[in-house]
């Protein structure tokens, strides 16, 4: 008797969970996506980055942590642009700050994200950062919420809670992991980011910030890899070809056999 009752309760709980996830997906599809300005990436994402959802970002290798943070800031700037200048909240644990450094105000301004629009919250423990992110995602006054964690504290249960909190407004939640993980997650997308060599400007100086992006999880379609650059003047991504293509030979046909 007890076993059959437990089985019935488990079945009811599973049904409620499925209904909740269906409601989340339906709610998210009703919102206009935030286009990245990259035709191939936007097509895979169903028009752009899903608002009212959680997205994960991590470096492809530890040396690329700065690039992953830069990509998160670029997405936050896009979300702010779409949401008419609302503020951005950046939550960082003490250990994440110790390992990755703090945000630099002047650099933020030059990157296209005004430092005066960035709210910074420091948390002692990852569990505190997750709680703060969950509560902040319920606030309609924020265009995006970024939380940087040094470990795998954001498990499946935590990301489900964050996804449920994010669905109530049209901003985005960005979970920045300091290392990549294979843990299951309820996030709408998961990105791995590496730094790339950017094209120099007209005068031979430093050009736009470039990234090599790997979309390794996508609930709206297939995954893919993209070479992009960030234009801080236009607050837009610019596609780049990550593979160099040799120029055709001048002394023989292109389709000539190679000896």
Protein backbone atom coordinates (compact mmCIF):
# COMPACT_ATOMS: atom_id res chain seq x y z
CA UNK A 1 0.00 0.00 0.00
CA UNK A 2 2.76 2.39 0.97
CA UNK A 3 4.72 1.61 -2.18
CA UNK A 4 1.73 2.23 -4.47
CA UNK A 5 1.03 5.53 -2.70
CA UNK A 6 4.65 6.60 -3.11
CA UNK A 7 4.51 5.65 -6.79
CA UNK A 8 1.35 7.70 -7.30
CA UNK A 9 2.91 10.72 -5.59
CA UNK A 10 6.02 10.41 -7.74
CA UNK A 11 3.86 10.23 -10.88
CA UNK A 12 1.92 13.35 -9.85
CA UNK A 13 5.15 15.21 -9.08
CA UNK A 14 6.56 14.24 -12.48
CA UNK A 15 3.38 15.44 -14.21
CA UNK A 16 3.55 18.79 -12.39
CA UNK A 17 7.22 19.16 -13.33
CA UNK A 18 6.47 18.47 -17.01
CA UNK A 19 3.65 21.00 -17.01
CA UNK A 20 5.88 23.57 -15.36
CA UNK A 21 8.62 23.06 -17.97
CA UNK A 22 6.08 23.27 -20.82
CA UNK A 23 4.76 26.54 -19.38
CA UNK A 24 8.31 27.92 -19.19
CA UNK A 25 9.06 27.01 -22.80
CA UNK A 26 5.72 28.40 -24.02
CA UNK A 27 6.27 31.63 -22.10
CA UNK A 28 9.76 32.04 -23.49
CA UNK A 29 8.66 31.44 -27.09
CA UNK A 30 6.03 34.20 -26.72
CA UNK A 31 8.77 36.80 -26.18
CA UNK A 32 10.69 38.44 -28.99
CA UNK A 33 14.31 37.20 -29.02
CA UNK A 34 17.29 39.51 -28.74
CA UNK A 35 19.09 39.28 -32.11
CA UNK A 36 22.85 38.94 -32.02
CA UNK A 37 23.18 40.38 -35.51
CA UNK A 38 24.82 37.15 -36.72
CA UNK A 39 22.63 35.49 -39.33
CA UNK A 40 23.84 31.93 -38.74
CA UNK A 41 23.80 32.14 -34.94
CA UNK A 42 20.41 33.87 -34.87
CA UNK A 43 18.98 31.16 -37.14
CA UNK A 44 20.19 28.41 -34.77
CA UNK A 45 18.80 30.30 -31.77
CA UNK A 46 15.38 30.82 -33.32
CA UNK A 47 15.87 34.51 -34.03
CA UNK A 48 18.31 35.44 -31.28
CA UNK A 49 19.02 35.06 -27.59
CA UNK A 50 15.91 34.07 -25.68
CA UNK A 51 14.78 36.72 -23.14
CA UNK A 52 13.28 35.70 -19.85
CA UNK A 53 15.73 32.81 -19.72
CA UNK A 54 19.03 31.65 -18.24
CA UNK A 55 22.14 31.34 -20.40
CA UNK A 56 25.49 29.87 -19.36
CA UNK A 57 28.93 31.08 -20.39
CA UNK A 58 32.30 29.52 -19.62
CA UNK A 59 35.85 29.79 -20.98
CA UNK A 60 37.06 27.13 -23.41
CA UNK A 61 40.20 26.95 -21.24
CA UNK A 62 41.22 28.76 -18.04
CA UNK A 63 43.34 31.24 -20.02
CA UNK A 64 40.20 32.43 -21.82
CA UNK A 65 38.32 33.55 -18.69
CA UNK A 66 38.73 37.20 -19.67
CA UNK A 67 37.20 36.49 -23.07
CA UNK A 68 34.24 34.73 -21.46
CA UNK A 69 33.66 37.72 -19.19
CA UNK A 70 33.89 40.05 -22.20
CA UNK A 71 31.28 38.00 -24.09
CA UNK A 72 28.97 38.13 -21.07
CA UNK A 73 29.36 41.93 -20.94
CA UNK A 74 28.63 42.18 -24.67
CA UNK A 75 25.40 40.19 -24.24
CA UNK A 76 24.47 42.39 -21.29
CA UNK A 77 25.06 45.50 -23.41
CA UNK A 78 22.80 44.06 -26.13
CA UNK A 79 20.09 43.32 -23.56
CA UNK A 80 20.39 46.86 -22.17
CA UNK A 81 20.09 48.26 -25.70
CA UNK A 82 16.91 46.23 -26.30
CA UNK A 83 15.46 47.17 -22.90
CA UNK A 84 15.86 50.94 -23.26
CA UNK A 85 18.81 51.43 -20.96
CA UNK A 86 17.83 49.52 -17.86
CA UNK A 87 20.54 48.70 -15.34
CA UNK A 88 22.70 45.58 -15.22
CA UNK A 89 23.53 43.69 -12.04
CA UNK A 90 26.87 41.91 -11.74
CA UNK A 91 27.16 39.43 -8.86
CA UNK A 92 30.59 38.05 -8.02
CA UNK A 93 31.77 35.83 -5.19
CA UNK A 94 34.90 36.74 -3.26
CA UNK A 95 36.75 33.73 -4.66
CA UNK A 96 35.69 34.53 -8.23
CA UNK A 97 36.99 38.07 -7.76
CA UNK A 98 40.24 36.77 -6.32
CA UNK A 99 40.80 34.41 -9.27
CA UNK A 100 39.40 36.50 -12.13
CA UNK A 101 39.71 40.09 -10.97
CA UNK A 102 37.15 42.87 -10.64
CA UNK A 103 35.39 44.85 -13.34
CA UNK A 104 37.29 48.00 -14.39
CA UNK A 105 35.08 51.06 -14.80
CA UNK A 106 37.02 52.81 -17.56
CA UNK A 107 37.31 49.56 -19.49
CA UNK A 108 33.56 49.04 -19.23
CA UNK A 109 32.93 52.49 -20.69
CA UNK A 110 35.27 51.82 -23.61
CA UNK A 111 33.64 48.43 -24.17
CA UNK A 112 30.24 50.03 -24.66
CA UNK A 113 28.77 49.38 -21.22
CA UNK A 114 28.58 52.55 -19.07
CA UNK A 115 29.98 51.82 -15.62
CA UNK A 116 27.31 54.04 -14.05
CA UNK A 117 24.69 51.56 -15.29
CA UNK A 118 26.39 48.54 -13.74
CA UNK A 119 25.42 47.55 -10.22
CA UNK A 120 28.02 45.36 -8.50
CA UNK A 121 27.17 42.95 -5.69
CA UNK A 122 29.81 40.87 -3.94
CA UNK A 123 28.89 37.64 -2.18
CA UNK A 124 30.97 35.60 0.21
CA UNK A 125 29.73 32.18 -0.92
CA UNK A 126 28.40 30.75 -4.20
CA UNK A 127 25.11 29.87 -2.51
CA UNK A 128 24.71 33.55 -1.58
CA UNK A 129 25.39 34.59 -5.17
CA UNK A 130 22.81 32.11 -6.48
CA UNK A 131 20.20 33.39 -4.02
CA UNK A 132 20.91 37.00 -5.00
CA UNK A 133 20.69 36.13 -8.71
CA UNK A 134 17.38 34.33 -8.25
CA UNK A 135 15.86 37.31 -6.48
CA UNK A 136 17.34 39.82 -8.95
CA UNK A 137 15.92 37.94 -11.94
CA UNK A 138 12.45 38.68 -10.61
CA UNK A 139 13.10 42.42 -10.84
CA UNK A 140 11.74 44.12 -13.96
CA UNK A 141 14.07 47.07 -13.52
CA UNK A 142 17.12 45.08 -14.68
CA UNK A 143 18.02 44.37 -18.28
CA UNK A 144 20.28 41.48 -17.29
CA UNK A 145 21.82 39.77 -14.29
CA UNK A 146 25.33 38.31 -14.43
CA UNK A 147 26.61 35.97 -11.74
CA UNK A 148 30.22 34.75 -11.76
CA UNK A 149 30.94 31.53 -9.89
CA UNK A 150 34.31 29.82 -9.33
CA UNK A 151 32.91 26.28 -9.01
CA UNK A 152 30.05 23.96 -9.95
CA UNK A 153 27.63 25.14 -7.24
CA UNK A 154 25.01 25.87 -9.92
CA UNK A 155 23.71 22.34 -10.37
CA UNK A 156 20.53 21.23 -12.13
CA UNK A 157 18.30 22.22 -9.20
CA UNK A 158 19.88 25.68 -8.93
CA UNK A 159 19.61 26.37 -12.66
CA UNK A 160 15.98 25.29 -12.63
CA UNK A 161 15.27 27.81 -9.91
CA UNK A 162 17.07 30.52 -11.86
CA UNK A 163 15.17 29.65 -15.04
CA UNK A 164 11.85 29.87 -13.21
CA UNK A 165 12.81 33.25 -11.75
CA UNK A 166 13.96 34.61 -15.13
CA UNK A 167 10.74 33.84 -16.98
CA UNK A 168 8.80 36.60 -15.19
CA UNK A 169 10.51 39.48 -17.05
CA UNK A 170 12.12 40.09 -20.43
CA UNK A 171 15.72 40.50 -19.28
CA UNK A 172 18.31 37.74 -19.39
CA UNK A 173 20.21 35.79 -16.79
CA UNK A 174 23.89 35.11 -17.54
CA UNK A 175 25.61 32.49 -15.42
CA UNK A 176 29.37 32.90 -15.88
CA UNK A 177 31.26 29.78 -14.83
CA UNK A 178 35.00 30.15 -14.41
CA UNK A 179 35.52 26.72 -15.92
CA UNK A 180 33.53 24.62 -18.36
CA UNK A 181 31.38 21.82 -17.03
CA UNK A 182 29.45 18.83 -18.27
CA UNK A 183 26.88 18.99 -15.48
CA UNK A 184 23.23 18.96 -16.61
CA UNK A 185 21.61 22.36 -16.62
CA UNK A 186 18.21 23.94 -17.19
CA UNK A 187 19.77 26.88 -19.04
CA UNK A 188 18.39 27.77 -22.45
CA UNK A 189 21.87 27.89 -23.98
CA UNK A 190 25.45 27.17 -23.01
CA UNK A 191 28.44 28.90 -24.60
CA UNK A 192 32.15 28.19 -24.46
CA UNK A 193 34.27 31.21 -25.33
CA UNK A 194 37.87 31.61 -26.45
CA UNK A 195 39.82 34.72 -27.33
CA UNK A 196 40.62 35.23 -31.01
CA UNK A 197 42.96 37.43 -33.01
CA UNK A 198 41.08 40.52 -34.14
CA UNK A 199 41.62 42.57 -37.27
CA UNK A 200 43.67 45.75 -36.67
CA UNK A 201 42.10 49.12 -37.27
CA UNK A 202 42.83 51.42 -40.20
CA UNK A 203 45.93 52.82 -38.52
CA UNK A 204 47.38 49.45 -37.55
CA UNK A 205 46.31 49.74 -33.92
CA UNK A 206 44.19 47.47 -31.76
CA UNK A 207 40.94 46.62 -33.48
CA UNK A 208 37.70 45.16 -32.23
CA UNK A 209 37.58 42.50 -29.53
CA UNK A 210 37.24 39.10 -31.18
CA UNK A 211 35.83 35.83 -29.85
CA UNK A 212 35.66 32.23 -30.96
CA UNK A 213 32.24 31.06 -29.77
CA UNK A 214 31.06 27.49 -29.36
CA UNK A 215 27.33 27.01 -28.78
CA UNK A 216 27.45 23.64 -27.03
CA UNK A 217 23.86 23.55 -25.80
CA UNK A 218 20.78 25.03 -27.45
CA UNK A 219 17.22 24.20 -26.48
CA UNK A 220 15.90 25.88 -29.62
CA UNK A 221 17.93 24.07 -32.24
CA UNK A 222 21.34 22.69 -33.21
CA UNK A 223 24.70 23.90 -31.96
CA UNK A 224 27.58 25.50 -33.83
CA UNK A 225 30.80 27.52 -33.77
CA UNK A 226 31.21 31.17 -34.75
CA UNK A 227 34.02 33.65 -35.12
CA UNK A 228 32.78 37.10 -34.11
CA UNK A 229 34.03 40.55 -33.15
CA UNK A 230 32.39 43.08 -30.84
CA UNK A 231 31.90 46.64 -32.10
CA UNK A 232 31.62 48.81 -29.01
CA UNK A 233 30.59 51.85 -31.07
CA UNK A 234 27.52 50.20 -32.58
CA UNK A 235 26.94 47.78 -29.68
CA UNK A 236 26.76 44.94 -32.16
CA UNK A 237 28.54 41.74 -33.11
CA UNK A 238 30.34 41.51 -36.43
CA UNK A 239 30.87 38.09 -38.05
CA UNK A 240 34.43 37.02 -38.73
CA UNK A 241 35.75 34.04 -40.67
CA UNK A 242 37.83 32.05 -38.19
CA UNK A 243 39.50 30.03 -40.94
CA UNK A 244 42.04 31.67 -43.23
CA UNK A 245 41.51 30.78 -46.87
CA UNK A 246 44.48 30.80 -49.23
CA UNK A 247 44.26 32.96 -52.34
CA UNK A 248 43.89 31.07 -55.64
CA UNK A 249 47.09 30.33 -57.51
CA UNK A 250 47.99 32.75 -60.27
CA UNK A 251 49.95 30.25 -62.42
CA UNK A 252 47.43 27.38 -62.68
CA UNK A 253 43.67 26.72 -62.56
CA UNK A 254 42.06 26.53 -59.14
CA UNK A 255 40.85 22.96 -59.71
CA UNK A 256 44.23 21.69 -61.00
CA UNK A 257 45.49 18.48 -59.46
CA UNK A 258 48.14 18.75 -56.78
CA UNK A 259 51.31 16.83 -57.62
